[in-house]
Amino acid sequence: MRRGGRSGGRRRLGVLVAAGSLALVLVTPGQVALADAGSNASCMGHEASGVSPPGSSSEALGGMRELTEFVRGLGAPAGAIFSFIASLHEGSHEACDAALE
């Protein structure tokens, strides 16, 4: 009688599928997905998508982490600032930047 029987074959098949999937991910070149908040988003959504992923915007090369550090350095509670920005719905990143100047 064989050890493992039918479930052993399924287990091996699962391991092979997982290994093949991992190999495919490792050899397939990745692409950067740029965020797009859309016209209905709040200005916080536009700001976040405008600096994401990190390195995609000269406005904040470090992405949201850099933007958050900047806001914390302003001296006011960061949550209040982010809440205010999120309350604005100007329709585009550029319009939000103009409203926040």
PDB file of N, CA and C in Angstrom:
ATOM      1  N   MET A   1       0.832  -1.171   0.000  1.00  0.00           N
ATOM      2  CA  MET A   1       0.000   0.000   0.000  1.00  0.00           C
ATOM      3  C   MET A   1       0.886   1.246   0.000  1.00  0.00           C
ATOM      4  N   ARG A   2       0.536   2.257  -0.798  1.00  0.00           N
ATOM      5  CA  ARG A   2       1.313   3.498  -0.894  1.00  0.00           C
ATOM      6  C   ARG A   2       1.058   4.376   0.311  1.00  0.00           C
ATOM      7  N   ARG A   3       2.120   5.064   0.746  1.00  0.00           N
ATOM      8  CA  ARG A   3       1.958   6.020   1.843  1.00  0.00           C
ATOM      9  C   ARG A   3       1.430   7.335   1.286  1.00  0.00           C
ATOM     10  N   GLY A   4       0.545   7.939   2.029  1.00  0.00           N
ATOM     11  CA  GLY A   4       0.023   9.234   1.600  1.00  0.00           C
ATOM     12  C   GLY A   4      -1.208   9.115   0.744  1.00  0.00           C
ATOM     13  N   GLY A   5      -1.296   8.065  -0.021  1.00  0.00           N
ATOM     14  CA  GLY A   5      -2.456   7.838  -0.860  1.00  0.00           C
ATOM     15  C   GLY A   5      -2.814   9.037  -1.724  1.00  0.00           C
ATOM     16  N   ARG A   6      -4.096   9.241  -1.856  1.00  0.00           N
ATOM     17  CA  ARG A   6      -4.603  10.290  -2.723  1.00  0.00           C
ATOM     18  C   ARG A   6      -4.309  11.689  -2.196  1.00  0.00           C
ATOM     19  N   SER A   7      -4.416  11.895  -0.879  1.00  0.00           N
ATOM     20  CA  SER A   7      -4.181  13.230  -0.320  1.00  0.00           C
ATOM     21  C   SER A   7      -2.723  13.650  -0.461  1.00  0.00           C
ATOM     22  N   GLY A   8      -1.802  12.678  -0.473  1.00  0.00           N
ATOM     23  CA  GLY A   8      -0.392  12.994  -0.677  1.00  0.00           C
ATOM     24  C   GLY A   8      -0.142  13.559  -2.066  1.00  0.00           C
ATOM     25  N   GLY A   9      -0.841  13.016  -3.068  1.00  0.00           N
ATOM     26  CA  GLY A   9      -0.721  13.526  -4.429  1.00  0.00           C
ATOM     27  C   GLY A   9      -1.285  14.931  -4.559  1.00  0.00           C
ATOM     28  N   ARG A  10      -2.379  15.183  -3.880  1.00  0.00           N
ATOM     29  CA  ARG A  10      -2.969  16.526  -3.898  1.00  0.00           C
ATOM     30  C   ARG A  10      -2.049  17.528  -3.223  1.00  0.00           C
ATOM     31  N   ARG A  11      -1.450  17.101  -2.141  1.00  0.00           N
ATOM     32  CA  ARG A  11      -0.538  17.977  -1.421  1.00  0.00           C
ATOM     33  C   ARG A  11       0.654  18.347  -2.305  1.00  0.00           C
ATOM     34  N   ARG A  12       1.211  17.335  -2.988  1.00  0.00           N
ATOM     35  CA  ARG A  12       2.335  17.594  -3.883  1.00  0.00           C
ATOM     36  C   ARG A  12       1.931  18.523  -5.019  1.00  0.00           C
ATOM     37  N   LEU A  13       0.730  18.324  -5.556  1.00  0.00           N
ATOM     38  CA  LEU A  13       0.235  19.185  -6.624  1.00  0.00           C
ATOM     39  C   LEU A  13       0.100  20.619  -6.114  1.00  0.00           C
ATOM     40  N   GLY A  14      -0.416  20.780  -4.899  1.00  0.00           N
ATOM     41  CA  GLY A  14      -0.547  22.115  -4.309  1.00  0.00           C
ATOM     42  C   GLY A  14       0.797  22.790  -4.138  1.00  0.00           C
ATOM     43  N   VAL A  15       1.787  22.028  -3.695  1.00  0.00           N
ATOM     44  CA  VAL A  15       3.131  22.574  -3.519  1.00  0.00           C
ATOM     45  C   VAL A  15       3.720  22.976  -4.863  1.00  0.00           C
ATOM     46  N   LEU A  16       3.520  22.156  -5.886  1.00  0.00           N
ATOM     47  CA  LEU A  16       4.028  22.474  -7.215  1.00  0.00           C
ATOM     48  C   LEU A  16       3.360  23.728  -7.785  1.00  0.00           C
ATOM     49  N   VAL A  17       2.052  23.857  -7.601  1.00  0.00           N
ATOM     50  CA  VAL A  17       1.340  25.039  -8.092  1.00  0.00           C
ATOM     51  C   VAL A  17       1.848  26.284  -7.367  1.00  0.00           C
ATOM     52  N   ALA A  18       2.002  26.189  -6.045  1.00  0.00           N
ATOM     53  CA  ALA A  18       2.494  27.335  -5.271  1.00  0.00           C
ATOM     54  C   ALA A  18       3.908  27.712  -5.698  1.00  0.00           C
ATOM     55  N   ALA A  19       4.770  26.723  -5.888  1.00  0.00           N
ATOM     56  CA  ALA A  19       6.142  26.993  -6.305  1.00  0.00           C
ATOM     57  C   ALA A  19       6.174  27.608  -7.705  1.00  0.00           C
ATOM     58  N   GLY A  20       5.334  27.104  -8.592  1.00  0.00           N
ATOM     59  CA  GLY A  20       5.274  27.663  -9.940  1.00  0.00           C
ATOM     60  C   GLY A  20       4.774  29.101  -9.931  1.00  0.00           C
ATOM     61  N   SER A  21       3.779  29.385  -9.095  1.00  0.00           N
ATOM     62  CA  SER A  21       3.263  30.752  -8.987  1.00  0.00           C
ATOM     63  C   SER A  21       4.322  31.690  -8.452  1.00  0.00           C
ATOM     64  N   LEU A  22       5.043  31.260  -7.434  1.00  0.00           N
ATOM     65  CA  LEU A  22       6.114  32.071  -6.867  1.00  0.00           C
ATOM     66  C   LEU A  22       7.204  32.318  -7.905  1.00  0.00           C
ATOM     67  N   ALA A  23       7.571  31.298  -8.641  1.00  0.00           N
ATOM     68  CA  ALA A  23       8.600  31.468  -9.682  1.00  0.00           C
ATOM     69  C   ALA A  23       8.141  32.459 -10.737  1.00  0.00           C
ATOM     70  N   LEU A  24       6.868  32.402 -11.113  1.00  0.00           N
ATOM     71  CA  LEU A  24       6.334  33.326 -12.112  1.00  0.00           C
ATOM     72  C   LEU A  24       6.386  34.760 -11.597  1.00  0.00           C
ATOM     73  N   VAL A  25       6.033  34.970 -10.340  1.00  0.00           N
ATOM     74  CA  VAL A  25       6.085  36.313  -9.749  1.00  0.00           C
ATOM     75  C   VAL A  25       7.519  36.827  -9.719  1.00  0.00           C
ATOM     76  N   LEU A  26       8.454  35.968  -9.411  1.00  0.00           N
ATOM     77  CA  LEU A  26       9.852  36.386  -9.291  1.00  0.00           C
ATOM     78  C   LEU A  26      10.497  36.724 -10.631  1.00  0.00           C
ATOM     79  N   VAL A  27      10.057  36.097 -11.699  1.00  0.00           N
ATOM     80  CA  VAL A  27      10.688  36.351 -12.999  1.00  0.00           C
ATOM     81  C   VAL A  27       9.923  37.354 -13.854  1.00  0.00           C
ATOM     82  N   THR A  28       8.699  37.688 -13.472  1.00  0.00           N
ATOM     83  CA  THR A  28       7.893  38.639 -14.235  1.00  0.00           C
ATOM     84  C   THR A  28       8.255  40.051 -13.805  1.00  0.00           C
ATOM     85  N   PRO A  29       8.619  40.927 -14.745  1.00  0.00           N
ATOM     86  CA  PRO A  29       8.960  42.294 -14.367  1.00  0.00           C
ATOM     87  C   PRO A  29       7.735  43.010 -13.812  1.00  0.00           C
ATOM     88  N   GLY A  30       7.929  43.710 -12.706  1.00  0.00           N
ATOM     89  CA  GLY A  30       6.832  44.432 -12.075  1.00  0.00           C
ATOM     90  C   GLY A  30       6.613  45.779 -12.718  1.00  0.00           C
ATOM     91  N   GLN A  31       5.418  46.281 -12.573  1.00  0.00           N
ATOM     92  CA  GLN A  31       5.081  47.598 -13.073  1.00  0.00           C
ATOM     93  C   GLN A  31       4.588  48.435 -11.909  1.00  0.00           C
ATOM     94  N   VAL A  32       4.870  49.716 -11.956  1.00  0.00           N
ATOM     95  CA  VAL A  32       4.397  50.617 -10.927  1.00  0.00           C
ATOM     96  C   VAL A  32       2.981  51.042 -11.283  1.00  0.00           C
ATOM     97  N   ALA A  33       2.079  50.902 -10.323  1.00  0.00           N
ATOM     98  CA  ALA A  33       0.701  51.324 -10.539  1.00  0.00           C
ATOM     99  C   ALA A  33       0.531  52.719  -9.961  1.00  0.00           C
ATOM    100  N   LEU A  34       0.232  53.672 -10.817  1.00  0.00           N
ATOM    101  CA  LEU A  34       0.010  55.025 -10.343  1.00  0.00           C
ATOM    102  C   LEU A  34      -1.424  55.158  -9.861  1.00  0.00           C
ATOM    103  N   ALA A  35      -1.589  55.850  -8.756  1.00  0.00           N
ATOM    104  CA  ALA A  35      -2.921  56.030  -8.193  1.00  0.00           C
ATOM    105  C   ALA A  35      -3.656  57.151  -8.912  1.00  0.00           C
ATOM    106  N   ASP A  36      -4.966  57.030  -8.991  1.00  0.00           N
ATOM    107  CA  ASP A  36      -5.808  58.058  -9.589  1.00  0.00           C
ATOM    108  C   ASP A  36      -7.049  58.188  -8.723  1.00  0.00           C
ATOM    109  N   ALA A  37      -7.179  59.316  -8.040  1.00  0.00           N
ATOM    110  CA  ALA A  37      -8.277  59.502  -7.103  1.00  0.00           C
ATOM    111  C   ALA A  37      -9.618  59.693  -7.800  1.00  0.00           C
ATOM    112  N   GLY A  38      -9.652  60.216  -8.994  1.00  0.00           N
ATOM    113  CA  GLY A  38     -10.910  60.463  -9.686  1.00  0.00           C
ATOM    114  C   GLY A  38     -11.521  61.793  -9.273  1.00  0.00           C
ATOM    115  N   SER A  39     -12.500  62.255 -10.020  1.00  0.00           N
ATOM    116  CA  SER A  39     -13.045  63.593  -9.805  1.00  0.00           C
ATOM    117  C   SER A  39     -13.927  63.713  -8.569  1.00  0.00           C
ATOM    118  N   ASN A  40     -14.431  62.630  -8.021  1.00  0.00           N
ATOM    119  CA  ASN A  40     -15.292  62.699  -6.844  1.00  0.00           C
ATOM    120  C   ASN A  40     -14.523  62.621  -5.529  1.00  0.00           C
ATOM    121  N   ALA A  41     -13.241  62.447  -5.588  1.00  0.00           N
ATOM    122  CA  ALA A  41     -12.441  62.268  -4.376  1.00  0.00           C
ATOM    123  C   ALA A  41     -12.278  63.574  -3.615  1.00  0.00           C
ATOM    124  N   SER A  42     -12.012  63.436  -2.326  1.00  0.00           N
ATOM    125  CA  SER A  42     -11.692  64.608  -1.523  1.00  0.00           C
ATOM    126  C   SER A  42     -10.291  65.075  -1.876  1.00  0.00           C
ATOM    127  N   CYS A  43      -9.945  66.247  -1.430  1.00  0.00           N
ATOM    128  CA  CYS A  43      -8.595  66.747  -1.694  1.00  0.00           C
ATOM    129  C   CYS A  43      -7.542  65.874  -1.007  1.00  0.00           C
ATOM    130  N   MET A  44      -7.899  65.236   0.108  1.00  0.00           N
ATOM    131  CA  MET A  44      -6.949  64.314   0.743  1.00  0.00           C
ATOM    132  C   MET A  44      -6.689  63.131  -0.180  1.00  0.00           C
ATOM    133  N   GLY A  45      -7.723  62.647  -0.845  1.00  0.00           N
ATOM    134  CA  GLY A  45      -7.546  61.563  -1.818  1.00  0.00           C
ATOM    135  C   GLY A  45      -6.683  61.994  -2.986  1.00  0.00           C
ATOM    136  N   HIS A  46      -6.907  63.224  -3.478  1.00  0.00           N
ATOM    137  CA  HIS A  46      -6.086  63.735  -4.578  1.00  0.00           C
ATOM    138  C   HIS A  46      -4.635  63.908  -4.146  1.00  0.00           C
ATOM    139  N   GLU A  47      -4.426  64.437  -2.947  1.00  0.00           N
ATOM    140  CA  GLU A  47      -3.054  64.620  -2.467  1.00  0.00           C
ATOM    141  C   GLU A  47      -2.362  63.271  -2.301  1.00  0.00           C
ATOM    142  N   ALA A  48      -3.058  62.321  -1.696  1.00  0.00           N
ATOM    143  CA  ALA A  48      -2.467  60.992  -1.484  1.00  0.00           C
ATOM    144  C   ALA A  48      -2.143  60.306  -2.808  1.00  0.00           C
ATOM    145  N   SER A  49      -3.077  60.375  -3.767  1.00  0.00           N
ATOM    146  CA  SER A  49      -2.809  59.713  -5.042  1.00  0.00           C
ATOM    147  C   SER A  49      -1.762  60.466  -5.854  1.00  0.00           C
ATOM    148  N   GLY A  50      -1.661  61.768  -5.625  1.00  0.00           N
ATOM    149  CA  GLY A  50      -0.668  62.564  -6.346  1.00  0.00           C
ATOM    150  C   GLY A  50       0.766  62.280  -5.947  1.00  0.00           C
ATOM    151  N   VAL A  51       0.958  61.762  -4.738  1.00  0.00           N
ATOM    152  CA  VAL A  51       2.326  61.468  -4.271  1.00  0.00           C
ATOM    153  C   VAL A  51       2.581  59.966  -4.173  1.00  0.00           C
ATOM    154  N   SER A  52       1.664  59.171  -4.698  1.00  0.00           N
ATOM    155  CA  SER A  52       1.802  57.718  -4.628  1.00  0.00           C
ATOM    156  C   SER A  52       2.034  57.146  -6.015  1.00  0.00           C
ATOM    157  N   PRO A  53       2.877  56.147  -6.143  1.00  0.00           N
ATOM    158  CA  PRO A  53       3.776  55.566  -5.155  1.00  0.00           C
ATOM    159  C   PRO A  53       4.957  56.490  -4.884  1.00  0.00           C
ATOM    160  N   PRO A  54       5.660  56.254  -3.782  1.00  0.00           N
ATOM    161  CA  PRO A  54       6.825  57.080  -3.470  1.00  0.00           C
ATOM    162  C   PRO A  54       7.778  57.172  -4.663  1.00  0.00           C
ATOM    163  N   GLY A  55       8.284  58.382  -4.892  1.00  0.00           N
ATOM    164  CA  GLY A  55       9.212  58.607  -5.989  1.00  0.00           C
ATOM    165  C   GLY A  55       8.546  59.056  -7.278  1.00  0.00           C
ATOM    166  N   SER A  56       7.217  59.066  -7.298  1.00  0.00           N
ATOM    167  CA  SER A  56       6.512  59.408  -8.531  1.00  0.00           C
ATOM    168  C   SER A  56       6.178  60.891  -8.643  1.00  0.00           C
ATOM    169  N   SER A  57       6.387  61.655  -7.576  1.00  0.00           N
ATOM    170  CA  SER A  57       6.039  63.073  -7.594  1.00  0.00           C
ATOM    171  C   SER A  57       7.146  63.900  -6.959  1.00  0.00           C
ATOM    172  N   SER A  58       7.498  65.001  -7.608  1.00  0.00           N
ATOM    173  CA  SER A  58       8.512  65.886  -7.027  1.00  0.00           C
ATOM    174  C   SER A  58       7.942  66.654  -5.839  1.00  0.00           C
ATOM    175  N   GLU A  59       6.638  66.661  -5.698  1.00  0.00           N
ATOM    176  CA  GLU A  59       5.974  67.329  -4.584  1.00  0.00           C
ATOM    177  C   GLU A  59       6.360  66.693  -3.245  1.00  0.00           C
ATOM    178  N   ALA A  60       6.446  65.380  -3.226  1.00  0.00           N
ATOM    179  CA  ALA A  60       6.852  64.636  -2.026  1.00  0.00           C
ATOM    180  C   ALA A  60       7.461  63.326  -2.493  1.00  0.00           C
ATOM    181  N   LEU A  61       8.775  63.313  -2.699  1.00  0.00           N
ATOM    182  CA  LEU A  61       9.443  62.121  -3.241  1.00  0.00           C
ATOM    183  C   LEU A  61       9.240  60.887  -2.367  1.00  0.00           C
ATOM    184  N   GLY A  62       9.061  61.108  -1.061  1.00  0.00           N
ATOM    185  CA  GLY A  62       8.868  59.984  -0.142  1.00  0.00           C
ATOM    186  C   GLY A  62       7.437  59.509  -0.043  1.00  0.00           C
ATOM    187  N   GLY A  63       6.559  60.049  -0.880  1.00  0.00           N
ATOM    188  CA  GLY A  63       5.159  59.619  -0.880  1.00  0.00           C
ATOM    189  C   GLY A  63       4.407  60.118   0.343  1.00  0.00           C
ATOM    190  N   MET A  64       3.420  59.345   0.757  1.00  0.00           N
ATOM    191  CA  MET A  64       2.578  59.744   1.891  1.00  0.00           C
ATOM    192  C   MET A  64       3.374  59.871   3.182  1.00  0.00           C
ATOM    193  N   ARG A  65       4.393  59.063   3.340  1.00  0.00           N
ATOM    194  CA  ARG A  65       5.206  59.156   4.564  1.00  0.00           C
ATOM    195  C   ARG A  65       5.822  60.555   4.666  1.00  0.00           C
ATOM    196  N   GLU A  66       6.382  61.050   3.579  1.00  0.00           N
ATOM    197  CA  GLU A  66       6.983  62.388   3.578  1.00  0.00           C
ATOM    198  C   GLU A  66       5.921  63.464   3.780  1.00  0.00           C
ATOM    199  N   LEU A  67       4.774  63.321   3.125  1.00  0.00           N
ATOM    200  CA  LEU A  67       3.687  64.285   3.277  1.00  0.00           C
ATOM    201  C   LEU A  67       3.205  64.317   4.728  1.00  0.00           C
ATOM    202  N   THR A  68       3.073  63.169   5.357  1.00  0.00           N
ATOM    203  CA  THR A  68       2.640  63.098   6.750  1.00  0.00           C
ATOM    204  C   THR A  68       3.661  63.767   7.668  1.00  0.00           C
ATOM    205  N   GLU A  69       4.942  63.518   7.449  1.00  0.00           N
ATOM    206  CA  GLU A  69       5.986  64.153   8.260  1.00  0.00           C
ATOM    207  C   GLU A  69       5.951  65.667   8.102  1.00  0.00           C
ATOM    208  N   PHE A  70       5.714  66.148   6.875  1.00  0.00           N
ATOM    209  CA  PHE A  70       5.616  67.580   6.625  1.00  0.00           C
ATOM    210  C   PHE A  70       4.453  68.181   7.420  1.00  0.00           C
ATOM    211  N   VAL A  71       3.293  67.536   7.352  1.00  0.00           N
ATOM    212  CA  VAL A  71       2.104  68.041   8.058  1.00  0.00           C
ATOM    213  C   VAL A  71       2.340  68.033   9.565  1.00  0.00           C
ATOM    214  N   ARG A  72       2.964  66.991  10.094  1.00  0.00           N
ATOM    215  CA  ARG A  72       3.247  66.945  11.538  1.00  0.00           C
ATOM    216  C   ARG A  72       4.199  68.061  11.959  1.00  0.00           C
ATOM    217  N   GLY A  73       5.045  68.488  11.051  1.00  0.00           N
ATOM    218  CA  GLY A  73       5.999  69.549  11.354  1.00  0.00           C
ATOM    219  C   GLY A  73       5.398  70.948  11.330  1.00  0.00           C
ATOM    220  N   LEU A  74       4.140  71.075  10.915  1.00  0.00           N
ATOM    221  CA  LEU A  74       3.507  72.391  10.842  1.00  0.00           C
ATOM    222  C   LEU A  74       3.135  72.945  12.219  1.00  0.00           C
ATOM    223  N   GLY A  75       3.080  72.104  13.223  1.00  0.00           N
ATOM    224  CA  GLY A  75       2.786  72.572  14.575  1.00  0.00           C
ATOM    225  C   GLY A  75       1.344  72.399  15.008  1.00  0.00           C
ATOM    226  N   ALA A  76       0.429  72.263  14.079  1.00  0.00           N
ATOM    227  CA  ALA A  76      -0.977  72.024  14.414  1.00  0.00           C
ATOM    228  C   ALA A  76      -1.204  70.508  14.451  1.00  0.00           C
ATOM    229  N   PRO A  77      -2.269  70.062  15.104  1.00  0.00           N
ATOM    230  CA  PRO A  77      -2.552  68.618  15.116  1.00  0.00           C
ATOM    231  C   PRO A  77      -2.731  68.085  13.687  1.00  0.00           C
ATOM    232  N   ALA A  78      -1.963  67.060  13.350  1.00  0.00           N
ATOM    233  CA  ALA A  78      -1.999  66.505  11.993  1.00  0.00           C
ATOM    234  C   ALA A  78      -3.397  66.033  11.620  1.00  0.00           C
ATOM    235  N   GLY A  79      -4.127  65.443  12.566  1.00  0.00           N
ATOM    236  CA  GLY A  79      -5.475  64.958  12.283  1.00  0.00           C
ATOM    237  C   GLY A  79      -6.410  66.079  11.864  1.00  0.00           C
ATOM    238  N   ALA A  80      -6.278  67.245  12.504  1.00  0.00           N
ATOM    239  CA  ALA A  80      -7.127  68.382  12.148  1.00  0.00           C
ATOM    240  C   ALA A  80      -6.804  68.874  10.743  1.00  0.00           C
ATOM    241  N   ILE A  81      -5.526  68.880  10.396  1.00  0.00           N
ATOM    242  CA  ILE A  81      -5.120  69.325   9.056  1.00  0.00           C
ATOM    243  C   ILE A  81      -5.621  68.349   8.006  1.00  0.00           C
ATOM    244  N   PHE A  82      -5.417  67.051   8.233  1.00  0.00           N
ATOM    245  CA  PHE A  82      -5.878  66.045   7.276  1.00  0.00           C
ATOM    246  C   PHE A  82      -7.404  66.075   7.151  1.00  0.00           C
ATOM    247  N   SER A  83      -8.101  66.294   8.262  1.00  0.00           N
ATOM    248  CA  SER A  83      -9.559  66.381   8.233  1.00  0.00           C
ATOM    249  C   SER A  83     -10.027  67.570   7.395  1.00  0.00           C
ATOM    250  N   PHE A  84      -9.362  68.702   7.554  1.00  0.00           N
ATOM    251  CA  PHE A  84      -9.710  69.879   6.765  1.00  0.00           C
ATOM    252  C   PHE A  84      -9.484  69.621   5.273  1.00  0.00           C
ATOM    253  N   ILE A  85      -8.334  69.051   4.953  1.00  0.00           N
ATOM    254  CA  ILE A  85      -8.035  68.761   3.543  1.00  0.00           C
ATOM    255  C   ILE A  85      -9.064  67.787   2.976  1.00  0.00           C
ATOM    256  N   ALA A  86      -9.456  66.791   3.778  1.00  0.00           N
ATOM    257  CA  ALA A  86     -10.439  65.799   3.319  1.00  0.00           C
ATOM    258  C   ALA A  86     -11.828  66.404   3.151  1.00  0.00           C
ATOM    259  N   SER A  87     -12.094  67.532   3.806  1.00  0.00           N
ATOM    260  CA  SER A  87     -13.415  68.162   3.681  1.00  0.00           C
ATOM    261  C   SER A  87     -13.575  68.907   2.351  1.00  0.00           C
ATOM    262  N   LEU A  88     -12.466  69.167   1.688  1.00  0.00           N
ATOM    263  CA  LEU A  88     -12.500  69.877   0.403  1.00  0.00           C
ATOM    264  C   LEU A  88     -12.693  68.890  -0.744  1.00  0.00           C
ATOM    265  N   HIS A  89     -13.510  69.258  -1.693  1.00  0.00           N
ATOM    266  CA  HIS A  89     -13.755  68.438  -2.890  1.00  0.00           C
ATOM    267  C   HIS A  89     -13.673  69.360  -4.100  1.00  0.00           C
ATOM    268  N   GLU A  90     -12.463  69.646  -4.530  1.00  0.00           N
ATOM    269  CA  GLU A  90     -12.236  70.621  -5.596  1.00  0.00           C
ATOM    270  C   GLU A  90     -12.228  70.013  -6.991  1.00  0.00           C
ATOM    271  N   GLY A  91     -12.190  68.683  -7.100  1.00  0.00           N
ATOM    272  CA  GLY A  91     -12.305  68.038  -8.405  1.00  0.00           C
ATOM    273  C   GLY A  91     -11.027  67.565  -9.065  1.00  0.00           C
ATOM    274  N   SER A  92      -9.880  68.118  -8.666  1.00  0.00           N
ATOM    275  CA  SER A  92      -8.610  67.664  -9.246  1.00  0.00           C
ATOM    276  C   SER A  92      -7.477  67.991  -8.281  1.00  0.00           C
ATOM    277  N   HIS A  93      -6.355  67.350  -8.491  1.00  0.00           N
ATOM    278  CA  HIS A  93      -5.188  67.602  -7.654  1.00  0.00           C
ATOM    279  C   HIS A  93      -4.756  69.064  -7.773  1.00  0.00           C
ATOM    280  N   GLU A  94      -4.738  69.575  -8.981  1.00  0.00           N
ATOM    281  CA  GLU A  94      -4.304  70.952  -9.209  1.00  0.00           C
ATOM    282  C   GLU A  94      -5.241  71.939  -8.522  1.00  0.00           C
ATOM    283  N   ALA A  95      -6.551  71.709  -8.612  1.00  0.00           N
ATOM    284  CA  ALA A  95      -7.526  72.589  -7.963  1.00  0.00           C
ATOM    285  C   ALA A  95      -7.403  72.519  -6.439  1.00  0.00           C
ATOM    286  N   CYS A  96      -7.111  71.342  -5.929  1.00  0.00           N
ATOM    287  CA  CYS A  96      -6.896  71.199  -4.490  1.00  0.00           C
ATOM    288  C   CYS A  96      -5.651  71.953  -4.049  1.00  0.00           C
ATOM    289  N   ASP A  97      -4.571  71.834  -4.814  1.00  0.00           N
ATOM    290  CA  ASP A  97      -3.354  72.582  -4.486  1.00  0.00           C
ATOM    291  C   ASP A  97      -3.629  74.077  -4.467  1.00  0.00           C
ATOM    292  N   ALA A  98      -4.404  74.573  -5.433  1.00  0.00           N
ATOM    293  CA  ALA A  98      -4.723  75.996  -5.493  1.00  0.00           C
ATOM    294  C   ALA A  98      -5.573  76.403  -4.289  1.00  0.00           C
ATOM    295  N   ALA A  99      -6.514  75.567  -3.870  1.00  0.00           N
ATOM    296  CA  ALA A  99      -7.374  75.887  -2.744  1.00  0.00           C
ATOM    297  C   ALA A  99      -6.603  75.878  -1.420  1.00  0.00           C
ATOM    298  N   LEU A 100      -5.515  75.131  -1.373  1.00  0.00           N
ATOM    299  CA  LEU A 100      -4.741  75.005  -0.134  1.00  0.00           C
ATOM    300  C   LEU A 100      -3.591  75.997  -0.047  1.00  0.00           C
ATOM    301  N   GLU A 101      -3.400  76.816  -1.070  1.00  0.00           N
ATOM    302  CA  GLU A 101      -2.284  77.772  -1.054  1.00  0.00           C
ATOM    303  C   GLU A 101      -2.571  78.915  -0.118  1.00  0.00           C
TER     304      GLU A 101
END
